[in-house]
Amino acid sequence: MKNVISKIDWKKGGGLVPAIIQDNESRAVLMLGYMNKQSLAKTLKTQKVWFYSRSKKRLWMKGETSRNFLKLVNVKPDCDGDALLVSVKPAGPTCHTGEYSCFKTDKYPDALSKLFLTIEDRKNKMPKNSYTASLFRAGLFKICSKVAEESGEVIKAATKESKERLVEESADLLYHMFVLLAAKGIAIKEIQNEIIRRQKRPPQ
């Protein structure tokens, strides 16, 4: 990430390069801005995303007014060195309209990601009347016991009950598995990365 400035073809864009801003957690695209060498350098130095305003002819930091900063996670150029993908952790809505994304993208791209992120939110906030929070309070043994219980229910549904029951029990098992992963500090993207790694293996 330190050498990214030298990897950009600054002449190609007249000293500017488009920067695609992506939520590092949900992978949703949040906005598109433009950077020059100075704004990219400040982004790397401060770990908060800076852009160059083409209309105001100055550097500006996302969140300087709204306080909805974009905390830098990673930045990398594309294959031609004329665009940037900037992974961030947003402190709030990115769009000036109050939307999560300037493209009105859903933060949760699919139901399983939404479930996992909701579980992580319950872990962080621990609301009083939340079943998920009660599992975290009960501890790892209780969570593991529920995973074992739901695994048994899935087997029972598969061997003795209907397809609908199997779907329902499978959803219960996935939910409690996600609680276990969150309790151990494992993000869903780590599981996704492991699946991708396995898919890249040569056929056996």
N, C-alpha and C. Protein backbone atom coordinates (compact mmCIF):
# COMPACT_ATOMS: atom_id res chain seq x y z
N MET A 1 0.83 -1.20 0.00
CA MET A 1 0.00 0.00 0.00
C MET A 1 0.86 1.26 0.00
N LYS A 2 2.07 1.17 0.57
CA LYS A 2 2.96 2.33 0.63
C LYS A 2 3.44 2.77 -0.75
N ASN A 3 3.57 1.82 -1.69
CA ASN A 3 4.12 2.13 -3.02
C ASN A 3 3.04 2.42 -4.05
N VAL A 4 1.80 2.57 -3.60
CA VAL A 4 0.70 2.71 -4.56
C VAL A 4 0.82 3.99 -5.39
N ILE A 5 1.35 5.06 -4.82
CA ILE A 5 1.46 6.33 -5.54
C ILE A 5 2.31 6.16 -6.81
N SER A 6 3.39 5.41 -6.69
CA SER A 6 4.29 5.22 -7.83
C SER A 6 3.72 4.29 -8.89
N LYS A 7 2.66 3.56 -8.54
CA LYS A 7 2.06 2.62 -9.48
C LYS A 7 0.96 3.25 -10.33
N ILE A 8 0.65 4.51 -10.06
CA ILE A 8 -0.42 5.21 -10.78
C ILE A 8 0.14 5.96 -11.99
N ASP A 9 -0.57 5.87 -13.12
CA ASP A 9 -0.22 6.64 -14.32
C ASP A 9 -0.90 8.00 -14.20
N TRP A 10 -0.26 8.93 -13.53
CA TRP A 10 -0.86 10.23 -13.24
C TRP A 10 -1.03 11.07 -14.50
N LYS A 11 -0.18 10.89 -15.50
CA LYS A 11 -0.28 11.68 -16.73
C LYS A 11 -1.54 11.32 -17.52
N LYS A 12 -1.94 10.08 -17.45
CA LYS A 12 -3.07 9.60 -18.25
C LYS A 12 -4.35 10.36 -17.93
N GLY A 13 -4.56 10.68 -16.65
CA GLY A 13 -5.77 11.38 -16.23
C GLY A 13 -5.55 12.84 -15.91
N GLY A 14 -4.46 13.40 -16.42
CA GLY A 14 -4.18 14.81 -16.17
C GLY A 14 -3.91 15.11 -14.70
N GLY A 15 -3.29 14.15 -14.02
CA GLY A 15 -2.96 14.36 -12.61
C GLY A 15 -4.01 13.85 -11.64
N LEU A 16 -5.12 13.34 -12.17
CA LEU A 16 -6.20 12.82 -11.34
C LEU A 16 -6.46 11.35 -11.66
N VAL A 17 -6.98 10.64 -10.67
CA VAL A 17 -7.35 9.24 -10.87
C VAL A 17 -8.67 8.99 -10.16
N PRO A 18 -9.62 8.30 -10.82
CA PRO A 18 -10.88 7.97 -10.15
C PRO A 18 -10.64 6.96 -9.04
N ALA A 19 -11.30 7.18 -7.90
CA ALA A 19 -11.15 6.30 -6.74
C ALA A 19 -12.52 5.72 -6.39
N ILE A 20 -12.66 4.42 -6.55
CA ILE A 20 -13.90 3.72 -6.20
C ILE A 20 -13.82 3.37 -4.71
N ILE A 21 -14.79 3.85 -3.95
CA ILE A 21 -14.79 3.63 -2.51
C ILE A 21 -15.71 2.46 -2.18
N GLN A 22 -15.16 1.47 -1.49
CA GLN A 22 -15.90 0.24 -1.19
C GLN A 22 -15.87 -0.05 0.31
N ASP A 23 -17.04 -0.40 0.85
CA ASP A 23 -17.12 -0.80 2.26
C ASP A 23 -16.37 -2.12 2.42
N ASN A 24 -15.35 -2.12 3.25
CA ASN A 24 -14.54 -3.32 3.41
C ASN A 24 -15.32 -4.48 4.01
N GLU A 25 -16.38 -4.18 4.76
CA GLU A 25 -17.15 -5.22 5.41
C GLU A 25 -18.21 -5.82 4.50
N SER A 26 -19.04 -4.96 3.92
CA SER A 26 -20.15 -5.46 3.09
C SER A 26 -19.77 -5.62 1.63
N ARG A 27 -18.65 -4.99 1.22
CA ARG A 27 -18.19 -4.98 -0.17
C ARG A 27 -19.06 -4.13 -1.08
N ALA A 28 -19.97 -3.38 -0.53
CA ALA A 28 -20.82 -2.50 -1.34
C ALA A 28 -20.01 -1.28 -1.79
N VAL A 29 -20.28 -0.81 -3.02
CA VAL A 29 -19.65 0.41 -3.53
C VAL A 29 -20.36 1.60 -2.92
N LEU A 30 -19.60 2.50 -2.30
CA LEU A 30 -20.17 3.63 -1.58
C LEU A 30 -20.19 4.92 -2.41
N MET A 31 -19.14 5.18 -3.14
CA MET A 31 -19.07 6.43 -3.90
C MET A 31 -17.90 6.38 -4.88
N LEU A 32 -17.84 7.39 -5.72
CA LEU A 32 -16.71 7.58 -6.64
C LEU A 32 -16.20 8.99 -6.43
N GLY A 33 -14.90 9.11 -6.22
CA GLY A 33 -14.28 10.42 -6.10
C GLY A 33 -13.01 10.46 -6.94
N TYR A 34 -12.32 11.60 -6.88
CA TYR A 34 -11.06 11.73 -7.63
C TYR A 34 -9.94 12.09 -6.69
N MET A 35 -8.78 11.52 -6.92
CA MET A 35 -7.60 11.79 -6.12
C MET A 35 -6.46 12.28 -7.00
N ASN A 36 -5.64 13.16 -6.44
CA ASN A 36 -4.35 13.48 -7.05
C ASN A 36 -3.26 12.94 -6.12
N LYS A 37 -2.01 13.20 -6.44
CA LYS A 37 -0.93 12.65 -5.62
C LYS A 37 -1.03 13.12 -4.17
N GLN A 38 -1.38 14.40 -3.99
CA GLN A 38 -1.43 14.97 -2.65
C GLN A 38 -2.55 14.35 -1.81
N SER A 39 -3.72 14.20 -2.40
CA SER A 39 -4.84 13.63 -1.63
C SER A 39 -4.60 12.16 -1.31
N LEU A 40 -3.98 11.44 -2.24
CA LEU A 40 -3.66 10.04 -1.97
C LEU A 40 -2.60 9.93 -0.88
N ALA A 41 -1.62 10.82 -0.92
CA ALA A 41 -0.58 10.82 0.12
C ALA A 41 -1.19 11.12 1.49
N LYS A 42 -2.11 12.09 1.55
CA LYS A 42 -2.76 12.42 2.82
C LYS A 42 -3.64 11.27 3.30
N THR A 43 -4.27 10.57 2.36
CA THR A 43 -5.08 9.41 2.71
C THR A 43 -4.21 8.35 3.38
N LEU A 44 -3.07 8.08 2.79
CA LEU A 44 -2.16 7.07 3.34
C LEU A 44 -1.59 7.50 4.68
N LYS A 45 -1.31 8.78 4.82
CA LYS A 45 -0.71 9.29 6.06
C LYS A 45 -1.69 9.35 7.21
N THR A 46 -2.91 9.85 6.94
CA THR A 46 -3.89 10.06 8.01
C THR A 46 -4.80 8.87 8.25
N GLN A 47 -4.83 7.94 7.27
CA GLN A 47 -5.72 6.77 7.34
C GLN A 47 -7.19 7.17 7.24
N LYS A 48 -7.45 8.38 6.75
CA LYS A 48 -8.79 8.83 6.42
C LYS A 48 -8.78 9.28 4.97
N VAL A 49 -9.88 9.05 4.26
CA VAL A 49 -9.87 9.25 2.81
C VAL A 49 -10.01 10.72 2.44
N TRP A 50 -9.07 11.17 1.59
CA TRP A 50 -9.06 12.53 1.05
C TRP A 50 -9.24 12.45 -0.46
N PHE A 51 -9.89 13.50 -0.99
CA PHE A 51 -10.10 13.59 -2.43
C PHE A 51 -9.61 14.95 -2.93
N TYR A 52 -9.62 15.08 -4.26
CA TYR A 52 -9.40 16.39 -4.87
C TYR A 52 -10.71 16.83 -5.50
N SER A 53 -11.21 18.01 -5.10
CA SER A 53 -12.45 18.55 -5.65
C SER A 53 -12.16 19.24 -6.97
N ARG A 54 -12.77 18.75 -8.04
CA ARG A 54 -12.55 19.37 -9.35
C ARG A 54 -13.28 20.70 -9.49
N SER A 55 -14.34 20.88 -8.71
CA SER A 55 -15.08 22.14 -8.79
C SER A 55 -14.47 23.23 -7.90
N LYS A 56 -14.04 22.83 -6.71
CA LYS A 56 -13.47 23.80 -5.77
C LYS A 56 -11.95 23.92 -5.88
N LYS A 57 -11.36 23.05 -6.66
CA LYS A 57 -9.92 23.09 -6.91
C LYS A 57 -9.11 23.01 -5.60
N ARG A 58 -9.49 22.09 -4.75
CA ARG A 58 -8.76 21.92 -3.48
C ARG A 58 -8.92 20.49 -2.97
N LEU A 59 -8.07 20.15 -2.00
CA LEU A 59 -8.21 18.86 -1.34
C LEU A 59 -9.36 18.93 -0.35
N TRP A 60 -10.05 17.82 -0.17
CA TRP A 60 -11.09 17.75 0.86
C TRP A 60 -11.15 16.34 1.45
N MET A 61 -11.43 16.29 2.73
CA MET A 61 -11.53 15.01 3.42
C MET A 61 -12.99 14.63 3.58
N LYS A 62 -13.34 13.40 3.20
CA LYS A 62 -14.71 12.94 3.37
C LYS A 62 -15.04 12.94 4.86
N GLY A 63 -16.12 13.65 5.22
CA GLY A 63 -16.52 13.74 6.62
C GLY A 63 -16.07 15.02 7.30
N GLU A 64 -15.39 15.90 6.57
CA GLU A 64 -14.91 17.13 7.21
C GLU A 64 -16.06 18.00 7.70
N THR A 65 -17.25 17.85 7.12
CA THR A 65 -18.43 18.58 7.59
C THR A 65 -19.39 17.66 8.34
N SER A 66 -19.68 16.52 7.76
CA SER A 66 -20.66 15.59 8.34
C SER A 66 -20.09 14.76 9.48
N ARG A 67 -18.77 14.63 9.54
CA ARG A 67 -18.06 13.75 10.49
C ARG A 67 -18.23 12.28 10.14
N ASN A 68 -18.81 12.00 8.98
CA ASN A 68 -18.94 10.62 8.51
C ASN A 68 -17.66 10.24 7.75
N PHE A 69 -16.60 10.08 8.50
CA PHE A 69 -15.30 9.80 7.90
C PHE A 69 -15.26 8.42 7.24
N LEU A 70 -14.32 8.26 6.34
CA LEU A 70 -14.03 6.97 5.73
C LEU A 70 -12.66 6.53 6.21
N LYS A 71 -12.62 5.56 7.10
CA LYS A 71 -11.35 5.07 7.63
C LYS A 71 -10.72 4.10 6.65
N LEU A 72 -9.49 4.38 6.27
CA LEU A 72 -8.82 3.58 5.25
C LEU A 72 -8.49 2.17 5.77
N VAL A 73 -8.79 1.18 4.95
CA VAL A 73 -8.41 -0.20 5.22
C VAL A 73 -7.34 -0.65 4.22
N ASN A 74 -7.60 -0.37 2.95
CA ASN A 74 -6.64 -0.77 1.92
C ASN A 74 -6.88 0.06 0.66
N VAL A 75 -5.86 0.20 -0.14
CA VAL A 75 -6.00 0.89 -1.43
C VAL A 75 -5.10 0.19 -2.43
N LYS A 76 -5.65 -0.06 -3.64
CA LYS A 76 -4.85 -0.71 -4.66
C LYS A 76 -5.26 -0.22 -6.04
N PRO A 77 -4.30 -0.10 -6.94
CA PRO A 77 -4.60 0.35 -8.31
C PRO A 77 -5.11 -0.80 -9.15
N ASP A 78 -5.77 -0.45 -10.27
CA ASP A 78 -6.19 -1.49 -11.19
C ASP A 78 -5.01 -1.90 -12.07
N CYS A 79 -5.26 -2.79 -13.02
CA CYS A 79 -4.18 -3.35 -13.82
C CYS A 79 -3.48 -2.32 -14.70
N ASP A 80 -4.19 -1.25 -15.08
CA ASP A 80 -3.60 -0.22 -15.94
C ASP A 80 -3.03 0.96 -15.16
N GLY A 81 -3.23 0.96 -13.85
CA GLY A 81 -2.72 2.06 -13.04
C GLY A 81 -3.46 3.36 -13.26
N ASP A 82 -4.73 3.28 -13.70
CA ASP A 82 -5.47 4.52 -13.94
C ASP A 82 -6.78 4.57 -13.15
N ALA A 83 -6.90 3.74 -12.14
CA ALA A 83 -8.05 3.78 -11.24
C ALA A 83 -7.65 3.14 -9.92
N LEU A 84 -8.34 3.54 -8.85
CA LEU A 84 -8.05 3.01 -7.52
C LEU A 84 -9.28 2.35 -6.92
N LEU A 85 -9.06 1.27 -6.20
CA LEU A 85 -10.10 0.67 -5.38
C LEU A 85 -9.69 0.91 -3.93
N VAL A 86 -10.52 1.67 -3.22
CA VAL A 86 -10.20 2.06 -1.85
C VAL A 86 -11.17 1.38 -0.90
N SER A 87 -10.67 0.47 -0.09
CA SER A 87 -11.49 -0.23 0.89
C SER A 87 -11.50 0.57 2.19
N VAL A 88 -12.69 0.77 2.74
CA VAL A 88 -12.82 1.65 3.91
C VAL A 88 -13.76 1.06 4.95
N LYS A 89 -13.71 1.66 6.13
CA LYS A 89 -14.70 1.42 7.16
C LYS A 89 -15.43 2.73 7.37
N PRO A 90 -16.68 2.86 6.89
CA PRO A 90 -17.40 4.13 6.99
C PRO A 90 -17.88 4.39 8.41
N ALA A 91 -17.78 5.65 8.84
CA ALA A 91 -18.23 6.04 10.18
C ALA A 91 -19.72 6.37 10.21
N GLY A 92 -20.34 6.43 9.05
CA GLY A 92 -21.77 6.75 8.95
C GLY A 92 -22.18 6.72 7.50
N PRO A 93 -23.35 7.26 7.17
CA PRO A 93 -23.78 7.31 5.76
C PRO A 93 -22.74 8.03 4.90
N THR A 94 -22.50 7.49 3.72
CA THR A 94 -21.49 8.10 2.84
C THR A 94 -22.08 9.23 2.01
N CYS A 95 -23.30 9.06 1.51
CA CYS A 95 -23.90 10.05 0.63
C CYS A 95 -24.36 11.29 1.40
N HIS A 96 -24.27 12.46 0.77
CA HIS A 96 -24.69 13.71 1.42
C HIS A 96 -26.21 13.74 1.65
N THR A 97 -26.94 12.83 0.98
CA THR A 97 -28.39 12.76 1.17
C THR A 97 -28.77 11.98 2.42
N GLY A 98 -27.76 11.35 3.05
CA GLY A 98 -28.04 10.52 4.21
C GLY A 98 -28.13 9.04 3.89
N GLU A 99 -28.00 8.70 2.60
CA GLU A 99 -28.04 7.31 2.18
C GLU A 99 -26.70 6.63 2.53
N TYR A 100 -26.78 5.34 2.77
CA TYR A 100 -25.58 4.55 3.06
C TYR A 100 -24.56 4.66 1.93
N SER A 101 -25.05 4.61 0.68
CA SER A 101 -24.20 4.68 -0.51
C SER A 101 -24.74 5.72 -1.47
N CYS A 102 -23.84 6.36 -2.21
CA CYS A 102 -24.26 7.32 -3.23
C CYS A 102 -25.02 6.63 -4.36
N PHE A 103 -24.88 5.32 -4.47
CA PHE A 103 -25.57 4.56 -5.50
C PHE A 103 -26.82 3.87 -4.95
N LYS A 104 -27.20 4.23 -3.73
CA LYS A 104 -28.36 3.64 -3.05
C LYS A 104 -28.24 2.12 -3.00
N THR A 105 -27.02 1.67 -2.81
CA THR A 105 -26.75 0.24 -2.69
C THR A 105 -27.13 -0.24 -1.31
N ASP A 106 -27.73 -1.42 -1.24
CA ASP A 106 -28.05 -2.03 0.04
C ASP A 106 -26.75 -2.43 0.73
N LYS A 107 -26.64 -2.11 2.01
CA LYS A 107 -25.44 -2.47 2.76
C LYS A 107 -25.28 -3.98 2.83
N TYR A 108 -26.39 -4.69 2.82
CA TYR A 108 -26.36 -6.14 2.94
C TYR A 108 -26.66 -6.76 1.59
N PRO A 109 -25.65 -7.22 0.84
CA PRO A 109 -25.85 -7.70 -0.51
C PRO A 109 -26.65 -9.00 -0.60
N ASP A 110 -26.71 -9.76 0.48
CA ASP A 110 -27.50 -10.98 0.46
C ASP A 110 -27.98 -11.27 1.87
N ALA A 111 -28.94 -12.20 1.98
CA ALA A 111 -29.59 -12.47 3.27
C ALA A 111 -28.62 -13.00 4.31
N LEU A 112 -27.67 -13.86 3.91
CA LEU A 112 -26.74 -14.43 4.87
C LEU A 112 -25.76 -13.38 5.41
N SER A 113 -25.30 -12.49 4.53
CA SER A 113 -24.42 -11.42 4.98
C SER A 113 -25.16 -10.49 5.95
N LYS A 114 -26.43 -10.20 5.62
CA LYS A 114 -27.23 -9.35 6.49
C LYS A 114 -27.41 -10.00 7.86
N LEU A 115 -27.67 -11.29 7.87
CA LEU A 115 -27.83 -12.00 9.14
C LEU A 115 -26.55 -11.93 9.96
N PHE A 116 -25.42 -12.19 9.32
CA PHE A 116 -24.15 -12.20 10.05
C PHE A 116 -23.83 -10.82 10.62
N LEU A 117 -24.01 -9.79 9.81
CA LEU A 117 -23.72 -8.44 10.27
C LEU A 117 -24.67 -8.02 11.39
N THR A 118 -25.91 -8.48 11.33
CA THR A 118 -26.87 -8.20 12.40
C THR A 118 -26.43 -8.87 13.70
N ILE A 119 -25.96 -10.11 13.59
CA ILE A 119 -25.46 -10.82 14.76
C ILE A 119 -24.25 -10.10 15.37
N GLU A 120 -23.34 -9.63 14.52
CA GLU A 120 -22.19 -8.88 15.03
C GLU A 120 -22.63 -7.60 15.72
N ASP A 121 -23.67 -6.96 15.17
CA ASP A 121 -24.20 -5.74 15.78
C ASP A 121 -24.78 -6.04 17.17
N ARG A 122 -25.46 -7.16 17.30
CA ARG A 122 -26.01 -7.55 18.61
C ARG A 122 -24.87 -7.81 19.60
N LYS A 123 -23.80 -8.40 19.11
CA LYS A 123 -22.65 -8.67 19.97
C LYS A 123 -22.03 -7.37 20.48
N ASN A 124 -21.95 -6.38 19.61
CA ASN A 124 -21.34 -5.10 19.98
C ASN A 124 -22.23 -4.28 20.91
N LYS A 125 -23.54 -4.31 20.67
CA LYS A 125 -24.46 -3.45 21.43
C LYS A 125 -25.14 -4.17 22.59
N MET A 126 -25.26 -5.47 22.53
CA MET A 126 -25.84 -6.31 23.58
C MET A 126 -27.17 -5.76 24.12
N PRO A 127 -28.17 -5.58 23.25
CA PRO A 127 -29.48 -5.09 23.72
C PRO A 127 -30.13 -6.07 24.70
N LYS A 128 -30.89 -5.55 25.62
CA LYS A 128 -31.45 -6.34 26.73
C LYS A 128 -32.36 -7.47 26.27
N ASN A 129 -33.26 -7.19 25.36
CA ASN A 129 -34.29 -8.16 24.99
C ASN A 129 -33.96 -8.97 23.74
N SER A 130 -32.69 -9.06 23.42
CA SER A 130 -32.26 -9.78 22.22
C SER A 130 -31.86 -11.22 22.56
N TYR A 131 -32.45 -12.18 21.84
CA TYR A 131 -32.06 -13.59 22.03
C TYR A 131 -30.59 -13.79 21.67
N THR A 132 -30.16 -13.13 20.59
CA THR A 132 -28.76 -13.25 20.18
C THR A 132 -27.82 -12.76 21.28
N ALA A 133 -28.15 -11.62 21.86
CA ALA A 133 -27.32 -11.09 22.94
C ALA A 133 -27.32 -12.02 24.15
N SER A 134 -28.46 -12.68 24.40
CA SER A 134 -28.53 -13.61 25.53
C SER A 134 -27.60 -14.80 25.32
N LEU A 135 -27.42 -15.22 24.07
CA LEU A 135 -26.48 -16.30 23.78
C LEU A 135 -25.04 -15.87 24.06
N PHE A 136 -24.71 -14.65 23.66
CA PHE A 136 -23.36 -14.14 23.94
C PHE A 136 -23.12 -14.03 25.44
N ARG A 137 -24.14 -13.61 26.18
CA ARG A 137 -24.01 -13.51 27.64
C ARG A 137 -23.83 -14.89 28.27
N ALA A 138 -24.50 -15.89 27.71
CA ALA A 138 -24.43 -17.24 28.27
C ALA A 138 -23.07 -17.88 28.07
N GLY A 139 -22.38 -17.46 27.04
CA GLY A 139 -21.02 -17.94 26.83
C GLY A 139 -20.86 -19.01 25.76
N LEU A 140 -19.62 -19.37 25.52
CA LEU A 140 -19.27 -20.26 24.41
C LEU A 140 -19.89 -21.65 24.55
N PHE A 141 -19.92 -22.21 25.77
CA PHE A 141 -20.47 -23.55 25.95
C PHE A 141 -21.94 -23.60 25.55
N LYS A 142 -22.70 -22.60 25.96
CA LYS A 142 -24.12 -22.54 25.60
C LYS A 142 -24.30 -22.45 24.09
N ILE A 143 -23.50 -21.61 23.45
CA ILE A 143 -23.59 -21.45 21.99
C ILE A 143 -23.26 -22.76 21.29
N CYS A 144 -22.19 -23.43 21.73
CA CYS A 144 -21.82 -24.71 21.13
C CYS A 144 -22.91 -25.76 21.34
N SER A 145 -23.55 -25.73 22.50
CA SER A 145 -24.65 -26.66 22.79
C SER A 145 -25.80 -26.44 21.83
N LYS A 146 -26.09 -25.18 21.50
CA LYS A 146 -27.17 -24.87 20.57
C LYS A 146 -26.81 -25.33 19.16
N VAL A 147 -25.54 -25.19 18.78
CA VAL A 147 -25.11 -25.67 17.46
C VAL A 147 -25.30 -27.18 17.38
N ALA A 148 -24.90 -27.88 18.42
CA ALA A 148 -25.06 -29.33 18.45
C ALA A 148 -26.55 -29.71 18.40
N GLU A 149 -27.37 -29.01 19.16
CA GLU A 149 -28.81 -29.28 19.17
C GLU A 149 -29.42 -29.07 17.80
N GLU A 150 -29.08 -27.95 17.16
CA GLU A 150 -29.65 -27.65 15.84
C GLU A 150 -29.13 -28.60 14.77
N SER A 151 -27.91 -29.08 14.93
CA SER A 151 -27.38 -30.08 13.99
C SER A 151 -28.22 -31.34 14.04
N GLY A 152 -28.58 -31.75 15.26
CA GLY A 152 -29.44 -32.90 15.42
C GLY A 152 -30.80 -32.69 14.79
N GLU A 153 -31.34 -31.49 14.93
CA GLU A 153 -32.64 -31.18 14.34
C GLU A 153 -32.59 -31.23 12.81
N VAL A 154 -31.47 -30.81 12.24
CA VAL A 154 -31.32 -30.87 10.78
C VAL A 154 -31.30 -32.33 10.32
N ILE A 155 -30.55 -33.17 11.02
CA ILE A 155 -30.50 -34.59 10.67
C ILE A 155 -31.87 -35.24 10.79
N LYS A 156 -32.58 -34.91 11.85
CA LYS A 156 -33.93 -35.45 12.06
C LYS A 156 -34.87 -35.03 10.92
N ALA A 157 -34.79 -33.73 10.57
CA ALA A 157 -35.66 -33.23 9.49
C ALA A 157 -35.33 -33.89 8.16
N ALA A 158 -34.04 -34.13 7.91
CA ALA A 158 -33.62 -34.72 6.64
C ALA A 158 -34.05 -36.17 6.52
N THR A 159 -34.07 -36.88 7.63
CA THR A 159 -34.35 -38.32 7.59
C THR A 159 -35.80 -38.69 7.88
N LYS A 160 -36.53 -37.81 8.60
CA LYS A 160 -37.86 -38.21 9.06
C LYS A 160 -38.97 -37.20 8.76
N GLU A 161 -38.59 -35.98 8.34
CA GLU A 161 -39.60 -34.94 8.20
C GLU A 161 -39.63 -34.39 6.78
N SER A 162 -40.35 -33.30 6.60
CA SER A 162 -40.56 -32.75 5.25
C SER A 162 -39.41 -31.85 4.79
N LYS A 163 -39.46 -31.54 3.50
CA LYS A 163 -38.48 -30.61 2.93
C LYS A 163 -38.57 -29.25 3.60
N GLU A 164 -39.80 -28.81 3.89
CA GLU A 164 -40.00 -27.51 4.54
C GLU A 164 -39.35 -27.48 5.92
N ARG A 165 -39.48 -28.57 6.66
CA ARG A 165 -38.86 -28.64 7.99
C ARG A 165 -37.34 -28.63 7.87
N LEU A 166 -36.82 -29.28 6.84
CA LEU A 166 -35.37 -29.27 6.64
C LEU A 166 -34.87 -27.87 6.36
N VAL A 167 -35.61 -27.12 5.55
CA VAL A 167 -35.24 -25.72 5.26
C VAL A 167 -35.25 -24.90 6.55
N GLU A 168 -36.29 -25.05 7.35
CA GLU A 168 -36.42 -24.30 8.60
C GLU A 168 -35.29 -24.63 9.58
N GLU A 169 -35.02 -25.90 9.74
CA GLU A 169 -33.98 -26.31 10.69
C GLU A 169 -32.59 -25.92 10.19
N SER A 170 -32.41 -25.95 8.87
CA SER A 170 -31.13 -25.53 8.30
C SER A 170 -30.88 -24.04 8.58
N ALA A 171 -31.94 -23.24 8.48
CA ALA A 171 -31.82 -21.81 8.78
C ALA A 171 -31.45 -21.62 10.25
N ASP A 172 -32.04 -22.41 11.14
CA ASP A 172 -31.72 -22.33 12.57
C ASP A 172 -30.25 -22.69 12.82
N LEU A 173 -29.79 -23.74 12.13
CA LEU A 173 -28.39 -24.16 12.30
C LEU A 173 -27.42 -23.10 11.81
N LEU A 174 -27.70 -22.52 10.64
CA LEU A 174 -26.83 -21.47 10.11
C LEU A 174 -26.78 -20.27 11.05
N TYR A 175 -27.93 -19.90 11.59
CA TYR A 175 -27.98 -18.78 12.53
C TYR A 175 -27.08 -19.05 13.73
N HIS A 176 -27.21 -20.22 14.35
CA HIS A 176 -26.40 -20.51 15.54
C HIS A 176 -24.93 -20.70 15.19
N MET A 177 -24.63 -21.18 14.00
CA MET A 177 -23.24 -21.24 13.55
C MET A 177 -22.65 -19.85 13.42
N PHE A 178 -23.44 -18.92 12.88
CA PHE A 178 -22.97 -17.54 12.76
C PHE A 178 -22.73 -16.91 14.13
N VAL A 179 -23.59 -17.22 15.09
CA VAL A 179 -23.39 -16.72 16.46
C VAL A 179 -22.06 -17.25 17.01
N LEU A 180 -21.78 -18.53 16.76
CA LEU A 180 -20.53 -19.12 17.22
C LEU A 180 -19.32 -18.44 16.58
N LEU A 181 -19.40 -18.22 15.27
CA LEU A 181 -18.29 -17.55 14.58
C LEU A 181 -18.07 -16.14 15.13
N ALA A 182 -19.17 -15.40 15.33
CA ALA A 182 -19.05 -14.05 15.87
C ALA A 182 -18.48 -14.08 17.28
N ALA A 183 -18.86 -15.06 18.07
CA ALA A 183 -18.34 -15.18 19.44
C ALA A 183 -16.83 -15.40 19.44
N LYS A 184 -16.34 -16.10 18.42
CA LYS A 184 -14.91 -16.37 18.31
C LYS A 184 -14.16 -15.31 17.51
N GLY A 185 -14.87 -14.25 17.11
CA GLY A 185 -14.21 -13.16 16.39
C GLY A 185 -13.86 -13.49 14.96
N ILE A 186 -14.59 -14.40 14.36
CA ILE A 186 -14.35 -14.78 12.96
C ILE A 186 -15.37 -14.09 12.07
N ALA A 187 -14.90 -13.35 11.08
CA ALA A 187 -15.79 -12.63 10.16
C ALA A 187 -16.25 -13.55 9.04
N ILE A 188 -17.42 -13.27 8.49
CA ILE A 188 -17.96 -14.11 7.43
C ILE A 188 -17.05 -14.10 6.20
N LYS A 189 -16.33 -13.00 5.98
CA LYS A 189 -15.46 -12.95 4.81
C LYS A 189 -14.29 -13.93 4.95
N GLU A 190 -13.92 -14.29 6.19
CA GLU A 190 -12.87 -15.29 6.37
C GLU A 190 -13.35 -16.66 5.90
N ILE A 191 -14.61 -16.98 6.14
CA ILE A 191 -15.18 -18.22 5.65
C ILE A 191 -15.28 -18.18 4.13
N GLN A 192 -15.70 -17.03 3.60
CA GLN A 192 -15.80 -16.87 2.15
C GLN A 192 -14.43 -17.03 1.50
N ASN A 193 -13.40 -16.44 2.11
CA ASN A 193 -12.05 -16.54 1.56
C ASN A 193 -11.55 -17.98 1.57
N GLU A 194 -11.90 -18.73 2.61
CA GLU A 194 -11.49 -20.13 2.69
C GLU A 194 -12.18 -20.95 1.59
N ILE A 195 -13.45 -20.65 1.34
CA ILE A 195 -14.17 -21.35 0.27
C ILE A 195 -13.53 -21.03 -1.08
N ILE A 196 -13.19 -19.75 -1.29
CA ILE A 196 -12.54 -19.36 -2.55
C ILE A 196 -11.19 -20.06 -2.69
N ARG A 197 -10.44 -20.14 -1.59
CA ARG A 197 -9.14 -20.82 -1.63
C ARG A 197 -9.30 -22.28 -2.04
N ARG A 198 -10.33 -22.92 -1.52
CA ARG A 198 -10.56 -24.32 -1.86
C ARG A 198 -11.01 -24.49 -3.31
N GLN A 199 -11.76 -23.51 -3.80
CA GLN A 199 -12.23 -23.59 -5.18
C GLN A 199 -11.08 -23.47 -6.17
N LYS A 200 -9.99 -22.85 -5.74
CA LYS A 200 -8.83 -22.67 -6.62
C LYS A 200 -7.93 -23.92 -6.66
N ARG A 201 -8.21 -24.88 -5.81
CA ARG A 201 -7.44 -26.11 -5.83
C ARG A 201 -7.67 -26.88 -7.14
N PRO A 202 -6.68 -27.56 -7.64
CA PRO A 202 -6.89 -28.38 -8.85
C PRO A 202 -7.85 -29.52 -8.54
N PRO A 203 -8.66 -29.94 -9.51
CA PRO A 203 -9.60 -31.04 -9.31
C PRO A 203 -8.88 -32.31 -8.87
N GLN A 204 -9.48 -33.03 -7.97
CA GLN A 204 -8.87 -34.25 -7.46
C GLN A 204 -9.67 -35.48 -7.90
